[in-house]
Amino acid sequence: MSPQEWLDANGGPRRFRQGDTADPFSLQPWLQKRGYELLLGKNQFKLKPITSKRVKGVVLSRPDFLAFVDQLRIAEGLEPIIPSNKRQQNG
C-alpha cells in the first residue's frame, strides 16, 4: 500500500494537545468542567449531570463512554479520541 493509498483510506495524522487522553480517571475533571459527574465501576461508566440531583445517571460501556466523550470533543472543535474510520465500524 502506498502512502497516498493509506492517507486516502485513513485520513491524515490526528493531532492532540499535550495531556489529551482516553484514561477515565484523567477524564473525570475534564467532564466535571463540562457539567458531568463520572462514577467508575467495573467496566462501567456512570455519567450524570452535576446540576441535577434527581437524575440517577446513565451507565455506559467503554465504547459508549468514549463515543460520548468524542461528541463533547467534536462540539468543542477537538480531535475525537476514536478515529472516524473506527467510529463508522462501531456504529
PDB file of N, CA and C in Angstrom:
ATOM      1  N   MET A   1       0.866  -1.177   0.000  1.00  0.00           N
ATOM      2  CA  MET A   1       0.000   0.000   0.000  1.00  0.00           C
ATOM      3  C   MET A   1       0.908   1.234   0.000  1.00  0.00           C
ATOM      4  N   SER A   2       0.610   2.115  -0.898  1.00  0.00           N
ATOM      5  CA  SER A   2       1.410   3.343  -0.979  1.00  0.00           C
ATOM      6  C   SER A   2       0.979   4.306   0.135  1.00  0.00           C
ATOM      7  N   PRO A   3       1.851   5.258   0.463  1.00  0.00           N
ATOM      8  CA  PRO A   3       1.450   6.252   1.478  1.00  0.00           C
ATOM      9  C   PRO A   3       0.173   7.001   1.100  1.00  0.00           C
ATOM     10  N   GLN A   4      -0.004   7.312  -0.171  1.00  0.00           N
ATOM     11  CA  GLN A   4      -1.206   8.030  -0.593  1.00  0.00           C
ATOM     12  C   GLN A   4      -2.451   7.172  -0.442  1.00  0.00           C
ATOM     13  N   GLU A   5      -2.330   5.878  -0.729  1.00  0.00           N
ATOM     14  CA  GLU A   5      -3.473   4.970  -0.543  1.00  0.00           C
ATOM     15  C   GLU A   5      -3.853   4.890   0.942  1.00  0.00           C
ATOM     16  N   TRP A   6      -2.840   4.844   1.817  1.00  0.00           N
ATOM     17  CA  TRP A   6      -3.112   4.805   3.255  1.00  0.00           C
ATOM     18  C   TRP A   6      -3.791   6.092   3.701  1.00  0.00           C
ATOM     19  N   LEU A   7      -3.287   7.240   3.239  1.00  0.00           N
ATOM     20  CA  LEU A   7      -3.901   8.521   3.607  1.00  0.00           C
ATOM     21  C   LEU A   7      -5.333   8.604   3.099  1.00  0.00           C
ATOM     22  N   ASP A   8      -5.591   8.108   1.896  1.00  0.00           N
ATOM     23  CA  ASP A   8      -6.951   8.119   1.350  1.00  0.00           C
ATOM     24  C   ASP A   8      -7.885   7.259   2.195  1.00  0.00           C
ATOM     25  N   ALA A   9      -7.378   6.131   2.705  1.00  0.00           N
ATOM     26  CA  ALA A   9      -8.205   5.219   3.494  1.00  0.00           C
ATOM     27  C   ALA A   9      -8.357   5.672   4.939  1.00  0.00           C
ATOM     28  N   ASN A  10      -7.318   6.318   5.494  1.00  0.00           N
ATOM     29  CA  ASN A  10      -7.313   6.615   6.927  1.00  0.00           C
ATOM     30  C   ASN A  10      -7.313   8.097   7.263  1.00  0.00           C
ATOM     31  N   GLY A  11      -7.140   8.943   6.291  1.00  0.00           N
ATOM     32  CA  GLY A  11      -7.042  10.371   6.570  1.00  0.00           C
ATOM     33  C   GLY A  11      -5.634  10.734   7.015  1.00  0.00           C
ATOM     34  N   GLY A  12      -5.431  12.004   7.271  1.00  0.00           N
ATOM     35  CA  GLY A  12      -4.118  12.473   7.696  1.00  0.00           C
ATOM     36  C   GLY A  12      -3.841  12.163   9.148  1.00  0.00           C
ATOM     37  N   PRO A  13      -2.670  12.552   9.617  1.00  0.00           N
ATOM     38  CA  PRO A  13      -2.347  12.313  11.019  1.00  0.00           C
ATOM     39  C   PRO A  13      -3.267  13.098  11.936  1.00  0.00           C
ATOM     40  N   ARG A  14      -3.640  12.485  13.044  1.00  0.00           N
ATOM     41  CA  ARG A  14      -4.514  13.148  14.011  1.00  0.00           C
ATOM     42  C   ARG A  14      -3.660  13.947  14.978  1.00  0.00           C
ATOM     43  N   ARG A  15      -4.189  15.071  15.447  1.00  0.00           N
ATOM     44  CA  ARG A  15      -3.442  15.965  16.332  1.00  0.00           C
ATOM     45  C   ARG A  15      -4.160  16.083  17.674  1.00  0.00           C
ATOM     46  N   PHE A  16      -3.397  15.881  18.746  1.00  0.00           N
ATOM     47  CA  PHE A  16      -3.923  16.017  20.100  1.00  0.00           C
ATOM     48  C   PHE A  16      -3.066  16.994  20.872  1.00  0.00           C
ATOM     49  N   ARG A  17      -3.695  17.685  21.801  1.00  0.00           N
ATOM     50  CA  ARG A  17      -2.941  18.555  22.696  1.00  0.00           C
ATOM     51  C   ARG A  17      -2.227  17.697  23.734  1.00  0.00           C
ATOM     52  N   GLN A  18      -1.156  18.224  24.281  1.00  0.00           N
ATOM     53  CA  GLN A  18      -0.451  17.516  25.333  1.00  0.00           C
ATOM     54  C   GLN A  18      -1.410  17.291  26.509  1.00  0.00           C
ATOM     55  N   GLY A  19      -1.455  16.072  27.001  1.00  0.00           N
ATOM     56  CA  GLY A  19      -2.328  15.743  28.128  1.00  0.00           C
ATOM     57  C   GLY A  19      -3.662  15.152  27.721  1.00  0.00           C
ATOM     58  N   ASP A  20      -4.039  15.239  26.439  1.00  0.00           N
ATOM     59  CA  ASP A  20      -5.285  14.609  25.993  1.00  0.00           C
ATOM     60  C   ASP A  20      -5.153  13.100  26.143  1.00  0.00           C
ATOM     61  N   THR A  21      -6.185  12.470  26.670  1.00  0.00           N
ATOM     62  CA  THR A  21      -6.113  11.046  26.979  1.00  0.00           C
ATOM     63  C   THR A  21      -7.505  10.426  26.959  1.00  0.00           C
ATOM     64  N   ALA A  22      -7.544   9.102  26.858  1.00  0.00           N
ATOM     65  CA  ALA A  22      -8.796   8.359  26.970  1.00  0.00           C
ATOM     66  C   ALA A  22      -8.918   7.707  28.342  1.00  0.00           C
ATOM     67  N   ASP A  23      -7.973   7.995  29.225  1.00  0.00           N
ATOM     68  CA  ASP A  23      -7.998   7.425  30.570  1.00  0.00           C
ATOM     69  C   ASP A  23      -9.171   8.002  31.358  1.00  0.00           C
ATOM     70  N   PRO A  24     -10.067   7.144  31.847  1.00  0.00           N
ATOM     71  CA  PRO A  24     -11.253   7.646  32.550  1.00  0.00           C
ATOM     72  C   PRO A  24     -10.928   8.483  33.787  1.00  0.00           C
ATOM     73  N   PHE A  25      -9.864   8.130  34.511  1.00  0.00           N
ATOM     74  CA  PHE A  25      -9.515   8.910  35.700  1.00  0.00           C
ATOM     75  C   PHE A  25      -9.068  10.322  35.318  1.00  0.00           C
ATOM     76  N   SER A  26      -8.388  10.453  34.199  1.00  0.00           N
ATOM     77  CA  SER A  26      -7.983  11.774  33.716  1.00  0.00           C
ATOM     78  C   SER A  26      -9.161  12.543  33.128  1.00  0.00           C
ATOM     79  N   LEU A  27     -10.152  11.816  32.627  1.00  0.00           N
ATOM     80  CA  LEU A  27     -11.315  12.469  32.032  1.00  0.00           C
ATOM     81  C   LEU A  27     -12.315  12.971  33.078  1.00  0.00           C
ATOM     82  N   GLN A  28     -12.233  12.463  34.316  1.00  0.00           N
ATOM     83  CA  GLN A  28     -13.177  12.906  35.352  1.00  0.00           C
ATOM     84  C   GLN A  28     -13.175  14.423  35.531  1.00  0.00           C
ATOM     85  N   PRO A  29     -12.031  15.075  35.760  1.00  0.00           N
ATOM     86  CA  PRO A  29     -12.076  16.536  35.915  1.00  0.00           C
ATOM     87  C   PRO A  29     -12.459  17.257  34.619  1.00  0.00           C
ATOM     88  N   TRP A  30     -12.080  16.699  33.487  1.00  0.00           N
ATOM     89  CA  TRP A  30     -12.440  17.291  32.185  1.00  0.00           C
ATOM     90  C   TRP A  30     -13.961  17.293  32.018  1.00  0.00           C
ATOM     91  N   LEU A  31     -14.595  16.171  32.359  1.00  0.00           N
ATOM     92  CA  LEU A  31     -16.056  16.085  32.277  1.00  0.00           C
ATOM     93  C   LEU A  31     -16.725  16.967  33.318  1.00  0.00           C
ATOM     94  N   GLN A  32     -16.128  17.046  34.499  1.00  0.00           N
ATOM     95  CA  GLN A  32     -16.702  17.878  35.561  1.00  0.00           C
ATOM     96  C   GLN A  32     -16.768  19.344  35.118  1.00  0.00           C
ATOM     97  N   LYS A  33     -15.758  19.812  34.422  1.00  0.00           N
ATOM     98  CA  LYS A  33     -15.763  21.189  33.909  1.00  0.00           C
ATOM     99  C   LYS A  33     -16.877  21.396  32.894  1.00  0.00           C
ATOM    100  N   ARG A  34     -17.358  20.323  32.312  1.00  0.00           N
ATOM    101  CA  ARG A  34     -18.424  20.399  31.315  1.00  0.00           C
ATOM    102  C   ARG A  34     -19.783  20.022  31.889  1.00  0.00           C
ATOM    103  N   GLY A  35     -19.846  19.861  33.220  1.00  0.00           N
ATOM    104  CA  GLY A  35     -21.126  19.655  33.892  1.00  0.00           C
ATOM    105  C   GLY A  35     -21.540  18.219  34.107  1.00  0.00           C
ATOM    106  N   TYR A  36     -20.590  17.279  34.026  1.00  0.00           N
ATOM    107  CA  TYR A  36     -20.925  15.868  34.205  1.00  0.00           C
ATOM    108  C   TYR A  36     -20.090  15.254  35.314  1.00  0.00           C
ATOM    109  N   GLU A  37     -20.751  14.407  36.105  1.00  0.00           N
ATOM    110  CA  GLU A  37     -20.051  13.629  37.119  1.00  0.00           C
ATOM    111  C   GLU A  37     -19.841  12.236  36.562  1.00  0.00           C
ATOM    112  N   LEU A  38     -18.612  11.728  36.664  1.00  0.00           N
ATOM    113  CA  LEU A  38     -18.291  10.390  36.183  1.00  0.00           C
ATOM    114  C   LEU A  38     -17.989   9.505  37.376  1.00  0.00           C
ATOM    115  N   LEU A  39     -18.764   8.431  37.498  1.00  0.00           N
ATOM    116  CA  LEU A  39     -18.537   7.428  38.539  1.00  0.00           C
ATOM    117  C   LEU A  39     -18.071   6.157  37.839  1.00  0.00           C
ATOM    118  N   LEU A  40     -16.978   5.608  38.333  1.00  0.00           N
ATOM    119  CA  LEU A  40     -16.392   4.442  37.681  1.00  0.00           C
ATOM    120  C   LEU A  40     -16.696   3.176  38.455  1.00  0.00           C
ATOM    121  N   GLY A  41     -17.080   2.143  37.719  1.00  0.00           N
ATOM    122  CA  GLY A  41     -17.306   0.817  38.291  1.00  0.00           C
ATOM    123  C   GLY A  41     -16.542  -0.190  37.463  1.00  0.00           C
ATOM    124  N   LYS A  42     -16.745  -1.449  37.734  1.00  0.00           N
ATOM    125  CA  LYS A  42     -16.055  -2.484  36.984  1.00  0.00           C
ATOM    126  C   LYS A  42     -16.582  -2.523  35.546  1.00  0.00           C
ATOM    127  N   ASN A  43     -15.773  -2.050  34.627  1.00  0.00           N
ATOM    128  CA  ASN A  43     -16.124  -1.984  33.207  1.00  0.00           C
ATOM    129  C   ASN A  43     -17.414  -1.203  32.957  1.00  0.00           C
ATOM    130  N   GLN A  44     -17.746  -0.283  33.844  1.00  0.00           N
ATOM    131  CA  GLN A  44     -18.930   0.552  33.674  1.00  0.00           C
ATOM    132  C   GLN A  44     -18.567   2.004  33.961  1.00  0.00           C
ATOM    133  N   PHE A  45     -19.223   2.857  33.242  1.00  0.00           N
ATOM    134  CA  PHE A  45     -19.005   4.289  33.370  1.00  0.00           C
ATOM    135  C   PHE A  45     -20.358   4.935  33.580  1.00  0.00           C
ATOM    136  N   LYS A  46     -20.578   5.508  34.743  1.00  0.00           N
ATOM    137  CA  LYS A  46     -21.869   6.131  35.054  1.00  0.00           C
ATOM    138  C   LYS A  46     -21.702   7.641  34.937  1.00  0.00           C
ATOM    139  N   LEU A  47     -22.502   8.236  34.066  1.00  0.00           N
ATOM    140  CA  LEU A  47     -22.479   9.678  33.847  1.00  0.00           C
ATOM    141  C   LEU A  47     -23.781  10.281  34.310  1.00  0.00           C
ATOM    142  N   LYS A  48     -23.674  11.409  34.998  1.00  0.00           N
ATOM    143  CA  LYS A  48     -24.883  12.136  35.364  1.00  0.00           C
ATOM    144  C   LYS A  48     -24.573  13.620  35.390  1.00  0.00           C
ATOM    145  N   PRO A  49     -25.569  14.429  35.060  1.00  0.00           N
ATOM    146  CA  PRO A  49     -25.363  15.880  35.110  1.00  0.00           C
ATOM    147  C   PRO A  49     -25.142  16.336  36.545  1.00  0.00           C
ATOM    148  N   ILE A  50     -24.212  17.234  36.738  1.00  0.00           N
ATOM    149  CA  ILE A  50     -23.913  17.757  38.079  1.00  0.00           C
ATOM    150  C   ILE A  50     -25.069  18.592  38.596  1.00  0.00           C
ATOM    151  N   THR A  51     -25.764  19.282  37.716  1.00  0.00           N
ATOM    152  CA  THR A  51     -26.805  20.226  38.127  1.00  0.00           C
ATOM    153  C   THR A  51     -28.075  19.546  38.620  1.00  0.00           C
ATOM    154  N   SER A  52     -28.257  18.270  38.327  1.00  0.00           N
ATOM    155  CA  SER A  52     -29.494  17.586  38.694  1.00  0.00           C
ATOM    156  C   SER A  52     -29.240  16.550  39.777  1.00  0.00           C
ATOM    157  N   LYS A  53     -29.924  16.719  40.913  1.00  0.00           N
ATOM    158  CA  LYS A  53     -29.795  15.740  41.992  1.00  0.00           C
ATOM    159  C   LYS A  53     -30.791  14.598  41.825  1.00  0.00           C
ATOM    160  N   ARG A  54     -31.802  14.811  41.010  1.00  0.00           N
ATOM    161  CA  ARG A  54     -32.828  13.771  40.822  1.00  0.00           C
ATOM    162  C   ARG A  54     -32.424  12.740  39.774  1.00  0.00           C
ATOM    163  N   VAL A  55     -31.612  13.144  38.812  1.00  0.00           N
ATOM    164  CA  VAL A  55     -31.230  12.224  37.740  1.00  0.00           C
ATOM    165  C   VAL A  55     -30.213  11.224  38.287  1.00  0.00           C
ATOM    166  N   LYS A  56     -30.497   9.938  38.087  1.00  0.00           N
ATOM    167  CA  LYS A  56     -29.601   8.893  38.586  1.00  0.00           C
ATOM    168  C   LYS A  56     -28.394   8.704  37.685  1.00  0.00           C
ATOM    169  N   GLY A  57     -28.484   9.127  36.464  1.00  0.00           N
ATOM    170  CA  GLY A  57     -27.382   8.966  35.530  1.00  0.00           C
ATOM    171  C   GLY A  57     -27.602   7.774  34.635  1.00  0.00           C
ATOM    172  N   VAL A  58     -26.684   7.624  33.710  1.00  0.00           N
ATOM    173  CA  VAL A  58     -26.778   6.535  32.752  1.00  0.00           C
ATOM    174  C   VAL A  58     -25.482   5.728  32.824  1.00  0.00           C
ATOM    175  N   VAL A  59     -25.618   4.398  32.766  1.00  0.00           N
ATOM    176  CA  VAL A  59     -24.458   3.508  32.797  1.00  0.00           C
ATOM    177  C   VAL A  59     -24.087   3.177  31.358  1.00  0.00           C
ATOM    178  N   LEU A  60     -22.806   3.387  31.038  1.00  0.00           N
ATOM    179  CA  LEU A  60     -22.324   3.175  29.680  1.00  0.00           C
ATOM    180  C   LEU A  60     -21.197   2.149  29.664  1.00  0.00           C
ATOM    181  N   SER A  61     -21.084   1.467  28.540  1.00  0.00           N
ATOM    182  CA  SER A  61     -19.922   0.611  28.308  1.00  0.00           C
ATOM    183  C   SER A  61     -18.751   1.511  27.914  1.00  0.00           C
ATOM    184  N   ARG A  62     -17.544   0.976  27.878  1.00  0.00           N
ATOM    185  CA  ARG A  62     -16.385   1.791  27.489  1.00  0.00           C
ATOM    186  C   ARG A  62     -16.538   2.383  26.084  1.00  0.00           C
ATOM    187  N   PRO A  63     -16.945   1.598  25.067  1.00  0.00           N
ATOM    188  CA  PRO A  63     -17.115   2.204  23.736  1.00  0.00           C
ATOM    189  C   PRO A  63     -18.165   3.318  23.730  1.00  0.00           C
ATOM    190  N   ASP A  64     -19.270   3.131  24.449  1.00  0.00           N
ATOM    191  CA  ASP A  64     -20.311   4.166  24.507  1.00  0.00           C
ATOM    192  C   ASP A  64     -19.819   5.393  25.270  1.00  0.00           C
ATOM    193  N   PHE A  65     -19.040   5.164  26.319  1.00  0.00           N
ATOM    194  CA  PHE A  65     -18.474   6.274  27.080  1.00  0.00           C
ATOM    195  C   PHE A  65     -17.539   7.103  26.196  1.00  0.00           C
ATOM    196  N   LEU A  66     -16.655   6.427  25.467  1.00  0.00           N
ATOM    197  CA  LEU A  66     -15.731   7.156  24.593  1.00  0.00           C
ATOM    198  C   LEU A  66     -16.475   7.873  23.464  1.00  0.00           C
ATOM    199  N   ALA A  67     -17.557   7.282  22.983  1.00  0.00           N
ATOM    200  CA  ALA A  67     -18.360   7.957  21.960  1.00  0.00           C
ATOM    201  C   ALA A  67     -18.981   9.233  22.534  1.00  0.00           C
ATOM    202  N   PHE A  68     -19.427   9.188  23.790  1.00  0.00           N
ATOM    203  CA  PHE A  68     -19.981  10.378  24.446  1.00  0.00           C
ATOM    204  C   PHE A  68     -18.913  11.452  24.593  1.00  0.00           C
ATOM    205  N   VAL A  69     -17.722  11.049  25.049  1.00  0.00           N
ATOM    206  CA  VAL A  69     -16.613  11.995  25.190  1.00  0.00           C
ATOM    207  C   VAL A  69     -16.279  12.613  23.822  1.00  0.00           C
ATOM    208  N   ASP A  70     -16.276  11.782  22.785  1.00  0.00           N
ATOM    209  CA  ASP A  70     -15.985  12.290  21.441  1.00  0.00           C
ATOM    210  C   ASP A  70     -17.017  13.313  20.984  1.00  0.00           C
ATOM    211  N   GLN A  71     -18.285  13.103  21.325  1.00  0.00           N
ATOM    212  CA  GLN A  71     -19.315  14.093  20.974  1.00  0.00           C
ATOM    213  C   GLN A  71     -18.993  15.443  21.594  1.00  0.00           C
ATOM    214  N   LEU A  72     -18.579  15.437  22.851  1.00  0.00           N
ATOM    215  CA  LEU A  72     -18.206  16.686  23.522  1.00  0.00           C
ATOM    216  C   LEU A  72     -16.964  17.293  22.890  1.00  0.00           C
ATOM    217  N   ARG A  73     -15.960  16.450  22.577  1.00  0.00           N
ATOM    218  CA  ARG A  73     -14.722  16.943  21.974  1.00  0.00           C
ATOM    219  C   ARG A  73     -14.997  17.552  20.600  1.00  0.00           C
ATOM    220  N   ILE A  74     -15.788  16.881  19.781  1.00  0.00           N
ATOM    221  CA  ILE A  74     -16.101  17.381  18.440  1.00  0.00           C
ATOM    222  C   ILE A  74     -16.860  18.695  18.527  1.00  0.00           C
ATOM    223  N   ALA A  75     -17.794  18.798  19.478  1.00  0.00           N
ATOM    224  CA  ALA A  75     -18.556  20.041  19.663  1.00  0.00           C
ATOM    225  C   ALA A  75     -17.644  21.215  20.020  1.00  0.00           C
ATOM    226  N   GLU A  76     -16.509  20.915  20.658  1.00  0.00           N
ATOM    227  CA  GLU A  76     -15.549  21.950  21.028  1.00  0.00           C
ATOM    228  C   GLU A  76     -14.469  22.148  19.966  1.00  0.00           C
ATOM    229  N   GLY A  77     -14.597  21.440  18.842  1.00  0.00           N
ATOM    230  CA  GLY A  77     -13.619  21.569  17.772  1.00  0.00           C
ATOM    231  C   GLY A  77     -12.339  20.784  18.016  1.00  0.00           C
ATOM    232  N   LEU A  78     -12.387  19.808  18.914  1.00  0.00           N
ATOM    233  CA  LEU A  78     -11.211  18.999  19.228  1.00  0.00           C
ATOM    234  C   LEU A  78     -11.240  17.691  18.450  1.00  0.00           C
ATOM    235  N   GLU A  79     -10.086  17.104  18.282  1.00  0.00           N
ATOM    236  CA  GLU A  79      -9.954  15.812  17.613  1.00  0.00           C
ATOM    237  C   GLU A  79     -10.637  14.738  18.462  1.00  0.00           C
ATOM    238  N   PRO A  80     -11.479  13.896  17.859  1.00  0.00           N
ATOM    239  CA  PRO A  80     -12.095  12.813  18.634  1.00  0.00           C
ATOM    240  C   PRO A  80     -11.058  11.755  19.012  1.00  0.00           C
ATOM    241  N   ILE A  81     -11.303  11.062  20.104  1.00  0.00           N
ATOM    242  CA  ILE A  81     -10.403  10.010  20.558  1.00  0.00           C
ATOM    243  C   ILE A  81     -10.450   8.823  19.597  1.00  0.00           C
ATOM    244  N   ILE A  82     -11.662   8.443  19.217  1.00  0.00           N
ATOM    245  CA  ILE A  82     -11.836   7.318  18.303  1.00  0.00           C
ATOM    246  C   ILE A  82     -11.736   7.849  16.875  1.00  0.00           C
ATOM    247  N   PRO A  83     -10.840   7.302  16.044  1.00  0.00           N
ATOM    248  CA  PRO A  83     -10.728   7.773  14.664  1.00  0.00           C
ATOM    249  C   PRO A  83     -12.040   7.596  13.904  1.00  0.00           C
ATOM    250  N   SER A  84     -12.296   8.465  12.953  1.00  0.00           N
ATOM    251  CA  SER A  84     -13.572   8.433  12.232  1.00  0.00           C
ATOM    252  C   SER A  84     -13.794   7.101  11.538  1.00  0.00           C
ATOM    253  N   ASN A  85     -12.754   6.475  10.991  1.00  0.00           N
ATOM    254  CA  ASN A  85     -12.965   5.186  10.315  1.00  0.00           C
ATOM    255  C   ASN A  85     -13.328   4.089  11.318  1.00  0.00           C
ATOM    256  N   LYS A  86     -12.922   4.197  12.567  1.00  0.00           N
ATOM    257  CA  LYS A  86     -13.288   3.225  13.604  1.00  0.00           C
ATOM    258  C   LYS A  86     -14.692   3.489  14.128  1.00  0.00           C
ATOM    259  N   ARG A  87     -15.081   4.779  14.218  1.00  0.00           N
ATOM    260  CA  ARG A  87     -16.436   5.114  14.686  1.00  0.00           C
ATOM    261  C   ARG A  87     -17.470   4.588  13.729  1.00  0.00           C
ATOM    262  N   GLN A  88     -17.209   4.649  12.446  1.00  0.00           N
ATOM    263  CA  GLN A  88     -18.161   4.159  11.451  1.00  0.00           C
ATOM    264  C   GLN A  88     -18.347   2.654  11.563  1.00  0.00           C
ATOM    265  N   GLN A  89     -17.261   1.932  11.878  1.00  0.00           N
ATOM    266  CA  GLN A  89     -17.355   0.476  12.020  1.00  0.00           C
ATOM    267  C   GLN A  89     -18.148   0.094  13.258  1.00  0.00           C
ATOM    268  N   ASN A  90     -18.008   0.891  14.337  1.00  0.00           N
ATOM    269  CA  ASN A  90     -18.653   0.559  15.593  1.00  0.00           C
ATOM    270  C   ASN A  90     -20.065   1.128  15.711  1.00  0.00           C
ATOM    271  N   GLY A  91     -20.489   1.895  14.721  1.00  0.00           N
ATOM    272  CA  GLY A  91     -21.843   2.446  14.772  1.00  0.00           C
ATOM    273  C   GLY A  91     -21.839   3.793  15.252  1.00  0.00           C
TER     274      GLY A  91
END
